[in-house]
Amino acid sequence: MDTRRDLYLIAYDVRNPRRLSKIHRFLTGFKVGGQKSVFEIWATTAELRHIRAQLEAILTADEDRIHILALDPRMKPRCFGRAATFGQDRFIIV
């Protein structure tokens, strides 16, 4: 079982307010940072498969867009303004 977590950025543009609310609520359970329609999440391979499956079940492909981007862990975050990055070495998702 792969327990290594990688950092992903999930951005979405959802047309229907009900689908938007469902996707927002679902992703809030995984996020460690972000705002409005862009979330940072740490996920294992299995969790990412689950996230993708759930998002595909909610969205309407011809109206909505969701981007899942894997971020390079070697990259140093550069935050500007009030932006902040997740600063913990370890955490637990309950």
PDB file of N, CA and C in Angstrom:
ATOM      1  N   MET A   1       0.844  -1.189   0.000  1.00  0.00           N
ATOM      2  CA  MET A   1       0.000   0.000   0.000  1.00  0.00           C
ATOM      3  C   MET A   1       0.880   1.239   0.000  1.00  0.00           C
ATOM      4  N   ASP A   2       0.693   2.103  -0.981  1.00  0.00           N
ATOM      5  CA  ASP A   2       1.478   3.318  -1.110  1.00  0.00           C
ATOM      6  C   ASP A   2       0.912   4.387  -0.181  1.00  0.00           C
ATOM      7  N   THR A   3       1.693   4.810   0.792  1.00  0.00           N
ATOM      8  CA  THR A   3       1.229   5.829   1.737  1.00  0.00           C
ATOM      9  C   THR A   3       1.895   7.172   1.495  1.00  0.00           C
ATOM     10  N   ARG A   4       2.736   7.253   0.472  1.00  0.00           N
ATOM     11  CA  ARG A   4       3.386   8.527   0.154  1.00  0.00           C
ATOM     12  C   ARG A   4       2.360   9.510  -0.391  1.00  0.00           C
ATOM     13  N   ARG A   5       2.382  10.690   0.131  1.00  0.00           N
ATOM     14  CA  ARG A   5       1.461  11.729  -0.335  1.00  0.00           C
ATOM     15  C   ARG A   5       2.208  12.719  -1.220  1.00  0.00           C
ATOM     16  N   ASP A   6       1.548  13.147  -2.267  1.00  0.00           N
ATOM     17  CA  ASP A   6       2.091  14.158  -3.158  1.00  0.00           C
ATOM     18  C   ASP A   6       1.174  15.362  -3.135  1.00  0.00           C
ATOM     19  N   LEU A   7       1.734  16.511  -3.488  1.00  0.00           N
ATOM     20  CA  LEU A   7       0.971  17.754  -3.486  1.00  0.00           C
ATOM     21  C   LEU A   7       0.344  17.983  -4.859  1.00  0.00           C
ATOM     22  N   TYR A   8      -0.951  18.267  -4.849  1.00  0.00           N
ATOM     23  CA  TYR A   8      -1.695  18.533  -6.076  1.00  0.00           C
ATOM     24  C   TYR A   8      -2.431  19.858  -5.942  1.00  0.00           C
ATOM     25  N   LEU A   9      -2.636  20.480  -7.066  1.00  0.00           N
ATOM     26  CA  LEU A   9      -3.448  21.682  -7.141  1.00  0.00           C
ATOM     27  C   LEU A   9      -4.678  21.320  -7.956  1.00  0.00           C
ATOM     28  N   ILE A  10      -5.852  21.544  -7.396  1.00  0.00           N
ATOM     29  CA  ILE A  10      -7.101  21.257  -8.109  1.00  0.00           C
ATOM     30  C   ILE A  10      -7.833  22.570  -8.319  1.00  0.00           C
ATOM     31  N   ALA A  11      -8.106  22.877  -9.564  1.00  0.00           N
ATOM     32  CA  ALA A  11      -8.839  24.092  -9.919  1.00  0.00           C
ATOM     33  C   ALA A  11     -10.074  23.683 -10.703  1.00  0.00           C
ATOM     34  N   TYR A  12     -11.181  24.340 -10.430  1.00  0.00           N
ATOM     35  CA  TYR A  12     -12.406  23.968 -11.129  1.00  0.00           C
ATOM     36  C   TYR A  12     -13.231  25.182 -11.505  1.00  0.00           C
ATOM     37  N   ASP A  13     -13.976  25.016 -12.573  1.00  0.00           N
ATOM     38  CA  ASP A  13     -14.920  26.013 -13.066  1.00  0.00           C
ATOM     39  C   ASP A  13     -16.195  25.239 -13.380  1.00  0.00           C
ATOM     40  N   VAL A  14     -17.187  25.380 -12.528  1.00  0.00           N
ATOM     41  CA  VAL A  14     -18.419  24.607 -12.641  1.00  0.00           C
ATOM     42  C   VAL A  14     -19.577  25.550 -12.876  1.00  0.00           C
ATOM     43  N   ARG A  15     -20.356  25.266 -13.890  1.00  0.00           N
ATOM     44  CA  ARG A  15     -21.427  26.154 -14.327  1.00  0.00           C
ATOM     45  C   ARG A  15     -22.654  26.133 -13.411  1.00  0.00           C
ATOM     46  N   ASN A  16     -23.077  24.959 -13.010  1.00  0.00           N
ATOM     47  CA  ASN A  16     -24.303  24.804 -12.229  1.00  0.00           C
ATOM     48  C   ASN A  16     -24.027  25.009 -10.735  1.00  0.00           C
ATOM     49  N   PRO A  17     -24.801  25.882 -10.055  1.00  0.00           N
ATOM     50  CA  PRO A  17     -24.562  26.148  -8.630  1.00  0.00           C
ATOM     51  C   PRO A  17     -24.659  24.907  -7.733  1.00  0.00           C
ATOM     52  N   ARG A  18     -25.541  23.971  -8.044  1.00  0.00           N
ATOM     53  CA  ARG A  18     -25.656  22.749  -7.218  1.00  0.00           C
ATOM     54  C   ARG A  18     -24.414  21.874  -7.358  1.00  0.00           C
ATOM     55  N   ARG A  19     -23.937  21.697  -8.600  1.00  0.00           N
ATOM     56  CA  ARG A  19     -22.718  20.916  -8.814  1.00  0.00           C
ATOM     57  C   ARG A  19     -21.520  21.630  -8.198  1.00  0.00           C
ATOM     58  N   LEU A  20     -21.488  22.943  -8.335  1.00  0.00           N
ATOM     59  CA  LEU A  20     -20.409  23.739  -7.751  1.00  0.00           C
ATOM     60  C   LEU A  20     -20.344  23.518  -6.240  1.00  0.00           C
ATOM     61  N   SER A  21     -21.484  23.569  -5.592  1.00  0.00           N
ATOM     62  CA  SER A  21     -21.552  23.365  -4.149  1.00  0.00           C
ATOM     63  C   SER A  21     -21.110  21.955  -3.754  1.00  0.00           C
ATOM     64  N   LYS A  22     -21.543  20.951  -4.517  1.00  0.00           N
ATOM     65  CA  LYS A  22     -21.153  19.561  -4.230  1.00  0.00           C
ATOM     66  C   LYS A  22     -19.649  19.372  -4.357  1.00  0.00           C
ATOM     67  N   ILE A  23     -19.073  19.904  -5.426  1.00  0.00           N
ATOM     68  CA  ILE A  23     -17.637  19.761  -5.651  1.00  0.00           C
ATOM     69  C   ILE A  23     -16.856  20.505  -4.574  1.00  0.00           C
ATOM     70  N   HIS A  24     -17.300  21.702  -4.240  1.00  0.00           N
ATOM     71  CA  HIS A  24     -16.626  22.484  -3.201  1.00  0.00           C
ATOM     72  C   HIS A  24     -16.648  21.748  -1.860  1.00  0.00           C
ATOM     73  N   ARG A  25     -17.812  21.243  -1.460  1.00  0.00           N
ATOM     74  CA  ARG A  25     -17.932  20.502  -0.199  1.00  0.00           C
ATOM     75  C   ARG A  25     -17.054  19.251  -0.200  1.00  0.00           C
ATOM     76  N   PHE A  26     -17.068  18.526  -1.313  1.00  0.00           N
ATOM     77  CA  PHE A  26     -16.262  17.304  -1.410  1.00  0.00           C
ATOM     78  C   PHE A  26     -14.773  17.619  -1.261  1.00  0.00           C
ATOM     79  N   LEU A  27     -14.270  18.603  -1.999  1.00  0.00           N
ATOM     80  CA  LEU A  27     -12.842  18.914  -1.966  1.00  0.00           C
ATOM     81  C   LEU A  27     -12.405  19.551  -0.651  1.00  0.00           C
ATOM     82  N   THR A  28     -13.315  20.201   0.053  1.00  0.00           N
ATOM     83  CA  THR A  28     -12.979  20.810   1.333  1.00  0.00           C
ATOM     84  C   THR A  28     -12.480  19.751   2.315  1.00  0.00           C
ATOM     85  N   GLY A  29     -12.948  18.529   2.181  1.00  0.00           N
ATOM     86  CA  GLY A  29     -12.498  17.448   3.048  1.00  0.00           C
ATOM     87  C   GLY A  29     -11.058  17.025   2.812  1.00  0.00           C
ATOM     88  N   PHE A  30     -10.462  17.444   1.706  1.00  0.00           N
ATOM     89  CA  PHE A  30      -9.097  17.052   1.370  1.00  0.00           C
ATOM     90  C   PHE A  30      -8.110  18.211   1.400  1.00  0.00           C
ATOM     91  N   LYS A  31      -8.591  19.422   1.362  1.00  0.00           N
ATOM     92  CA  LYS A  31      -7.694  20.561   1.148  1.00  0.00           C
ATOM     93  C   LYS A  31      -6.843  20.886   2.364  1.00  0.00           C
ATOM     94  N   VAL A  32      -5.648  21.380   2.098  1.00  0.00           N
ATOM     95  CA  VAL A  32      -4.775  21.901   3.143  1.00  0.00           C
ATOM     96  C   VAL A  32      -4.560  23.397   2.923  1.00  0.00           C
ATOM     97  N   GLY A  33      -4.993  23.893   1.795  1.00  0.00           N
ATOM     98  CA  GLY A  33      -4.868  25.308   1.479  1.00  0.00           C
ATOM     99  C   GLY A  33      -5.644  25.618   0.226  1.00  0.00           C
ATOM    100  N   GLY A  34      -5.662  26.891  -0.112  1.00  0.00           N
ATOM    101  CA  GLY A  34      -6.343  27.312  -1.315  1.00  0.00           C
ATOM    102  C   GLY A  34      -7.441  28.298  -1.016  1.00  0.00           C
ATOM    103  N   GLN A  35      -8.171  28.636  -2.059  1.00  0.00           N
ATOM    104  CA  GLN A  35      -9.269  29.569  -1.899  1.00  0.00           C
ATOM    105  C   GLN A  35     -10.269  29.402  -3.028  1.00  0.00           C
ATOM    106  N   LYS A  36     -11.515  29.663  -2.728  1.00  0.00           N
ATOM    107  CA  LYS A  36     -12.625  29.578  -3.673  1.00  0.00           C
ATOM    108  C   LYS A  36     -12.571  28.335  -4.545  1.00  0.00           C
ATOM    109  N   SER A  37     -12.075  28.414  -5.759  1.00  0.00           N
ATOM    110  CA  SER A  37     -12.128  27.263  -6.658  1.00  0.00           C
ATOM    111  C   SER A  37     -10.749  26.692  -6.994  1.00  0.00           C
ATOM    112  N   VAL A  38      -9.776  26.954  -6.142  1.00  0.00           N
ATOM    113  CA  VAL A  38      -8.438  26.392  -6.316  1.00  0.00           C
ATOM    114  C   VAL A  38      -7.979  25.855  -4.962  1.00  0.00           C
ATOM    115  N   PHE A  39      -7.749  24.536  -4.891  1.00  0.00           N
ATOM    116  CA  PHE A  39      -7.371  23.893  -3.631  1.00  0.00           C
ATOM    117  C   PHE A  39      -6.020  23.207  -3.754  1.00  0.00           C
ATOM    118  N   GLU A  40      -5.256  23.241  -2.663  1.00  0.00           N
ATOM    119  CA  GLU A  40      -4.038  22.443  -2.548  1.00  0.00           C
ATOM    120  C   GLU A  40      -4.404  21.213  -1.728  1.00  0.00           C
ATOM    121  N   ILE A  41      -4.037  20.049  -2.217  1.00  0.00           N
ATOM    122  CA  ILE A  41      -4.305  18.825  -1.448  1.00  0.00           C
ATOM    123  C   ILE A  41      -3.064  17.944  -1.446  1.00  0.00           C
ATOM    124  N   TRP A  42      -2.873  17.200  -0.363  1.00  0.00           N
ATOM    125  CA  TRP A  42      -1.864  16.160  -0.270  1.00  0.00           C
ATOM    126  C   TRP A  42      -2.629  14.855  -0.379  1.00  0.00           C
ATOM    127  N   ALA A  43      -2.278  14.015  -1.332  1.00  0.00           N
ATOM    128  CA  ALA A  43      -3.040  12.779  -1.533  1.00  0.00           C
ATOM    129  C   ALA A  43      -2.130  11.630  -1.933  1.00  0.00           C
ATOM    130  N   THR A  44      -2.521  10.441  -1.519  1.00  0.00           N
ATOM    131  CA  THR A  44      -1.853   9.228  -1.977  1.00  0.00           C
ATOM    132  C   THR A  44      -2.407   8.898  -3.359  1.00  0.00           C
ATOM    133  N   THR A  45      -1.819   7.925  -4.010  1.00  0.00           N
ATOM    134  CA  THR A  45      -2.306   7.500  -5.325  1.00  0.00           C
ATOM    135  C   THR A  45      -3.747   7.005  -5.230  1.00  0.00           C
ATOM    136  N   ALA A  46      -4.052   6.228  -4.196  1.00  0.00           N
ATOM    137  CA  ALA A  46      -5.412   5.705  -4.019  1.00  0.00           C
ATOM    138  C   ALA A  46      -6.409   6.829  -3.744  1.00  0.00           C
ATOM    139  N   GLU A  47      -6.018   7.787  -2.914  1.00  0.00           N
ATOM    140  CA  GLU A  47      -6.907   8.922  -2.640  1.00  0.00           C
ATOM    141  C   GLU A  47      -7.158   9.740  -3.895  1.00  0.00           C
ATOM    142  N   LEU A  48      -6.116   9.929  -4.699  1.00  0.00           N
ATOM    143  CA  LEU A  48      -6.287  10.688  -5.938  1.00  0.00           C
ATOM    144  C   LEU A  48      -7.243   9.969  -6.890  1.00  0.00           C
ATOM    145  N   ARG A  49      -7.155   8.649  -6.976  1.00  0.00           N
ATOM    146  CA  ARG A  49      -8.104   7.886  -7.804  1.00  0.00           C
ATOM    147  C   ARG A  49      -9.532   8.099  -7.310  1.00  0.00           C
ATOM    148  N   HIS A  50      -9.713   8.056  -5.992  1.00  0.00           N
ATOM    149  CA  HIS A  50     -11.038   8.287  -5.390  1.00  0.00           C
ATOM    150  C   HIS A  50     -11.534   9.698  -5.703  1.00  0.00           C
ATOM    151  N   ILE A  51     -10.671  10.684  -5.553  1.00  0.00           N
ATOM    152  CA  ILE A  51     -11.046  12.074  -5.837  1.00  0.00           C
ATOM    153  C   ILE A  51     -11.468  12.219  -7.294  1.00  0.00           C
ATOM    154  N   ARG A  52     -10.669  11.687  -8.203  1.00  0.00           N
ATOM    155  CA  ARG A  52     -11.001  11.776  -9.635  1.00  0.00           C
ATOM    156  C   ARG A  52     -12.343  11.114  -9.953  1.00  0.00           C
ATOM    157  N   ALA A  53     -12.571   9.935  -9.395  1.00  0.00           N
ATOM    158  CA  ALA A  53     -13.826   9.214  -9.642  1.00  0.00           C
ATOM    159  C   ALA A  53     -15.023  10.013  -9.135  1.00  0.00           C
ATOM    160  N   GLN A  54     -14.894  10.578  -7.946  1.00  0.00           N
ATOM    161  CA  GLN A  54     -16.000  11.356  -7.386  1.00  0.00           C
ATOM    162  C   GLN A  54     -16.263  12.622  -8.200  1.00  0.00           C
ATOM    163  N   LEU A  55     -15.194  13.293  -8.602  1.00  0.00           N
ATOM    164  CA  LEU A  55     -15.362  14.511  -9.403  1.00  0.00           C
ATOM    165  C   LEU A  55     -15.996  14.197 -10.756  1.00  0.00           C
ATOM    166  N   GLU A  56     -15.566  13.116 -11.383  1.00  0.00           N
ATOM    167  CA  GLU A  56     -16.146  12.728 -12.673  1.00  0.00           C
ATOM    168  C   GLU A  56     -17.618  12.378 -12.534  1.00  0.00           C
ATOM    169  N   ALA A  57     -18.007  11.817 -11.393  1.00  0.00           N
ATOM    170  CA  ALA A  57     -19.413  11.469 -11.169  1.00  0.00           C
ATOM    171  C   ALA A  57     -20.272  12.713 -10.970  1.00  0.00           C
ATOM    172  N   ILE A  58     -19.693  13.790 -10.439  1.00  0.00           N
ATOM    173  CA  ILE A  58     -20.462  15.002 -10.158  1.00  0.00           C
ATOM    174  C   ILE A  58     -20.524  15.937 -11.366  1.00  0.00           C
ATOM    175  N   LEU A  59     -19.417  16.123 -12.058  1.00  0.00           N
ATOM    176  CA  LEU A  59     -19.372  17.148 -13.104  1.00  0.00           C
ATOM    177  C   LEU A  59     -20.104  16.748 -14.371  1.00  0.00           C
ATOM    178  N   THR A  60     -20.429  17.733 -15.149  1.00  0.00           N
ATOM    179  CA  THR A  60     -20.996  17.537 -16.483  1.00  0.00           C
ATOM    180  C   THR A  60     -19.903  17.921 -17.473  1.00  0.00           C
ATOM    181  N   ALA A  61     -19.410  16.953 -18.211  1.00  0.00           N
ATOM    182  CA  ALA A  61     -18.215  17.127 -19.040  1.00  0.00           C
ATOM    183  C   ALA A  61     -18.324  18.241 -20.079  1.00  0.00           C
ATOM    184  N   ASP A  62     -19.490  18.466 -20.627  1.00  0.00           N
ATOM    185  CA  ASP A  62     -19.604  19.496 -21.662  1.00  0.00           C
ATOM    186  C   ASP A  62     -19.842  20.895 -21.095  1.00  0.00           C
ATOM    187  N   GLU A  63     -19.970  21.028 -19.769  1.00  0.00           N
ATOM    188  CA  GLU A  63     -20.191  22.346 -19.159  1.00  0.00           C
ATOM    189  C   GLU A  63     -19.119  22.740 -18.148  1.00  0.00           C
ATOM    190  N   ASP A  64     -18.493  21.776 -17.512  1.00  0.00           N
ATOM    191  CA  ASP A  64     -17.588  22.054 -16.394  1.00  0.00           C
ATOM    192  C   ASP A  64     -16.147  21.728 -16.745  1.00  0.00           C
ATOM    193  N   ARG A  65     -15.220  22.357 -15.985  1.00  0.00           N
ATOM    194  CA  ARG A  65     -13.794  22.065 -16.156  1.00  0.00           C
ATOM    195  C   ARG A  65     -13.163  21.843 -14.792  1.00  0.00           C
ATOM    196  N   ILE A  66     -12.343  20.821 -14.705  1.00  0.00           N
ATOM    197  CA  ILE A  66     -11.563  20.564 -13.498  1.00  0.00           C
ATOM    198  C   ILE A  66     -10.150  20.217 -13.944  1.00  0.00           C
ATOM    199  N   HIS A  67      -9.186  20.883 -13.323  1.00  0.00           N
ATOM    200  CA  HIS A  67      -7.782  20.619 -13.605  1.00  0.00           C
ATOM    201  C   HIS A  67      -7.130  20.080 -12.343  1.00  0.00           C
ATOM    202  N   ILE A  68      -6.424  18.970 -12.468  1.00  0.00           N
ATOM    203  CA  ILE A  68      -5.662  18.400 -11.358  1.00  0.00           C
ATOM    204  C   ILE A  68      -4.202  18.419 -11.781  1.00  0.00           C
ATOM    205  N   LEU A  69      -3.411  19.195 -11.071  1.00  0.00           N
ATOM    206  CA  LEU A  69      -2.012  19.370 -11.423  1.00  0.00           C
ATOM    207  C   LEU A  69      -1.121  18.846 -10.305  1.00  0.00           C
ATOM    208  N   ALA A  70      -0.200  17.972 -10.649  1.00  0.00           N
ATOM    209  CA  ALA A  70       0.787  17.492  -9.670  1.00  0.00           C
ATOM    210  C   ALA A  70       1.872  18.557  -9.558  1.00  0.00           C
ATOM    211  N   LEU A  71       2.179  18.954  -8.325  1.00  0.00           N
ATOM    212  CA  LEU A  71       3.207  19.960  -8.107  1.00  0.00           C
ATOM    213  C   LEU A  71       4.523  19.290  -7.747  1.00  0.00           C
ATOM    214  N   ASP A  72       5.601  19.830  -8.248  1.00  0.00           N
ATOM    215  CA  ASP A  72       6.932  19.288  -8.001  1.00  0.00           C
ATOM    216  C   ASP A  72       7.316  19.533  -6.540  1.00  0.00           C
ATOM    217  N   PRO A  73       7.562  18.475  -5.764  1.00  0.00           N
ATOM    218  CA  PRO A  73       7.881  18.653  -4.347  1.00  0.00           C
ATOM    219  C   PRO A  73       9.217  19.367  -4.111  1.00  0.00           C
ATOM    220  N   ARG A  74      10.070  19.420  -5.126  1.00  0.00           N
ATOM    221  CA  ARG A  74      11.354  20.114  -4.982  1.00  0.00           C
ATOM    222  C   ARG A  74      11.201  21.622  -5.102  1.00  0.00           C
ATOM    223  N   MET A  75      10.071  22.047  -5.627  1.00  0.00           N
ATOM    224  CA  MET A  75       9.821  23.458  -5.855  1.00  0.00           C
ATOM    225  C   MET A  75       9.550  24.182  -4.534  1.00  0.00           C
ATOM    226  N   LYS A  76      10.209  25.300  -4.308  1.00  0.00           N
ATOM    227  CA  LYS A  76       9.954  26.114  -3.122  1.00  0.00           C
ATOM    228  C   LYS A  76       8.748  26.999  -3.402  1.00  0.00           C
ATOM    229  N   PRO A  77       7.770  27.028  -2.491  1.00  0.00           N
ATOM    230  CA  PRO A  77       6.619  27.901  -2.709  1.00  0.00           C
ATOM    231  C   PRO A  77       7.028  29.371  -2.612  1.00  0.00           C
ATOM    232  N   ARG A  78       6.480  30.177  -3.473  1.00  0.00           N
ATOM    233  CA  ARG A  78       6.690  31.625  -3.435  1.00  0.00           C
ATOM    234  C   ARG A  78       5.332  32.270  -3.224  1.00  0.00           C
ATOM    235  N   CYS A  79       5.130  32.787  -2.057  1.00  0.00           N
ATOM    236  CA  CYS A  79       3.838  33.360  -1.698  1.00  0.00           C
ATOM    237  C   CYS A  79       3.936  34.877  -1.677  1.00  0.00           C
ATOM    238  N   PHE A  80       2.917  35.538  -2.178  1.00  0.00           N
ATOM    239  CA  PHE A  80       2.880  36.996  -2.230  1.00  0.00           C
ATOM    240  C   PHE A  80       1.625  37.496  -1.537  1.00  0.00           C
ATOM    241  N   GLY A  81       1.679  38.716  -1.039  1.00  0.00           N
ATOM    242  CA  GLY A  81       0.511  39.290  -0.371  1.00  0.00           C
ATOM    243  C   GLY A  81       0.175  38.517   0.888  1.00  0.00           C
ATOM    244  N   ARG A  82      -1.076  38.167   1.062  1.00  0.00           N
ATOM    245  CA  ARG A  82      -1.532  37.432   2.244  1.00  0.00           C
ATOM    246  C   ARG A  82      -1.412  35.923   2.069  1.00  0.00           C
ATOM    247  N   ALA A  83      -0.872  35.499   0.956  1.00  0.00           N
ATOM    248  CA  ALA A  83      -0.762  34.067   0.667  1.00  0.00           C
ATOM    249  C   ALA A  83       0.160  33.375   1.665  1.00  0.00           C
ATOM    250  N   ALA A  84      -0.185  32.142   2.001  1.00  0.00           N
ATOM    251  CA  ALA A  84       0.634  31.325   2.884  1.00  0.00           C
ATOM    252  C   ALA A  84       0.576  29.893   2.381  1.00  0.00           C
ATOM    253  N   THR A  85       1.596  29.123   2.696  1.00  0.00           N
ATOM    254  CA  THR A  85       1.629  27.730   2.288  1.00  0.00           C
ATOM    255  C   THR A  85       1.480  26.840   3.516  1.00  0.00           C
ATOM    256  N   PHE A  86       1.116  25.614   3.284  1.00  0.00           N
ATOM    257  CA  PHE A  86       0.962  24.638   4.355  1.00  0.00           C
ATOM    258  C   PHE A  86       2.329  24.373   4.950  1.00  0.00           C
ATOM    259  N   GLY A  87       2.490  24.514   6.269  1.00  0.00           N
ATOM    260  CA  GLY A  87       3.805  24.440   6.864  1.00  0.00           C
ATOM    261  C   GLY A  87       4.089  23.231   7.734  1.00  0.00           C
ATOM    262  N   GLN A  88       3.272  22.205   7.717  1.00  0.00           N
ATOM    263  CA  GLN A  88       3.473  21.048   8.569  1.00  0.00           C
ATOM    264  C   GLN A  88       4.213  19.948   7.816  1.00  0.00           C
ATOM    265  N   ASP A  89       5.104  19.247   8.527  1.00  0.00           N
ATOM    266  CA  ASP A  89       5.801  18.103   7.931  1.00  0.00           C
ATOM    267  C   ASP A  89       4.896  16.881   7.851  1.00  0.00           C
ATOM    268  N   ARG A  90       4.012  16.728   8.844  1.00  0.00           N
ATOM    269  CA  ARG A  90       3.132  15.576   8.905  1.00  0.00           C
ATOM    270  C   ARG A  90       1.733  16.032   9.312  1.00  0.00           C
ATOM    271  N   PHE A  91       0.745  15.304   8.854  1.00  0.00           N
ATOM    272  CA  PHE A  91      -0.617  15.608   9.219  1.00  0.00           C
ATOM    273  C   PHE A  91      -1.463  14.373   9.013  1.00  0.00           C
ATOM    274  N   ILE A  92      -2.662  14.401   9.552  1.00  0.00           N
ATOM    275  CA  ILE A  92      -3.591  13.282   9.436  1.00  0.00           C
ATOM    276  C   ILE A  92      -4.899  13.791   8.870  1.00  0.00           C
ATOM    277  N   ILE A  93      -5.432  13.120   7.867  1.00  0.00           N
ATOM    278  CA  ILE A  93      -6.750  13.441   7.346  1.00  0.00           C
ATOM    279  C   ILE A  93      -7.725  12.480   8.010  1.00  0.00           C
ATOM    280  N   VAL A  94      -8.707  13.036   8.711  1.00  0.00           N
ATOM    281  CA  VAL A  94      -9.680  12.229   9.437  1.00  0.00           C
ATOM    282  C   VAL A  94     -10.988  12.237   8.691  1.00  0.00           C
TER     283      VAL A  94
END
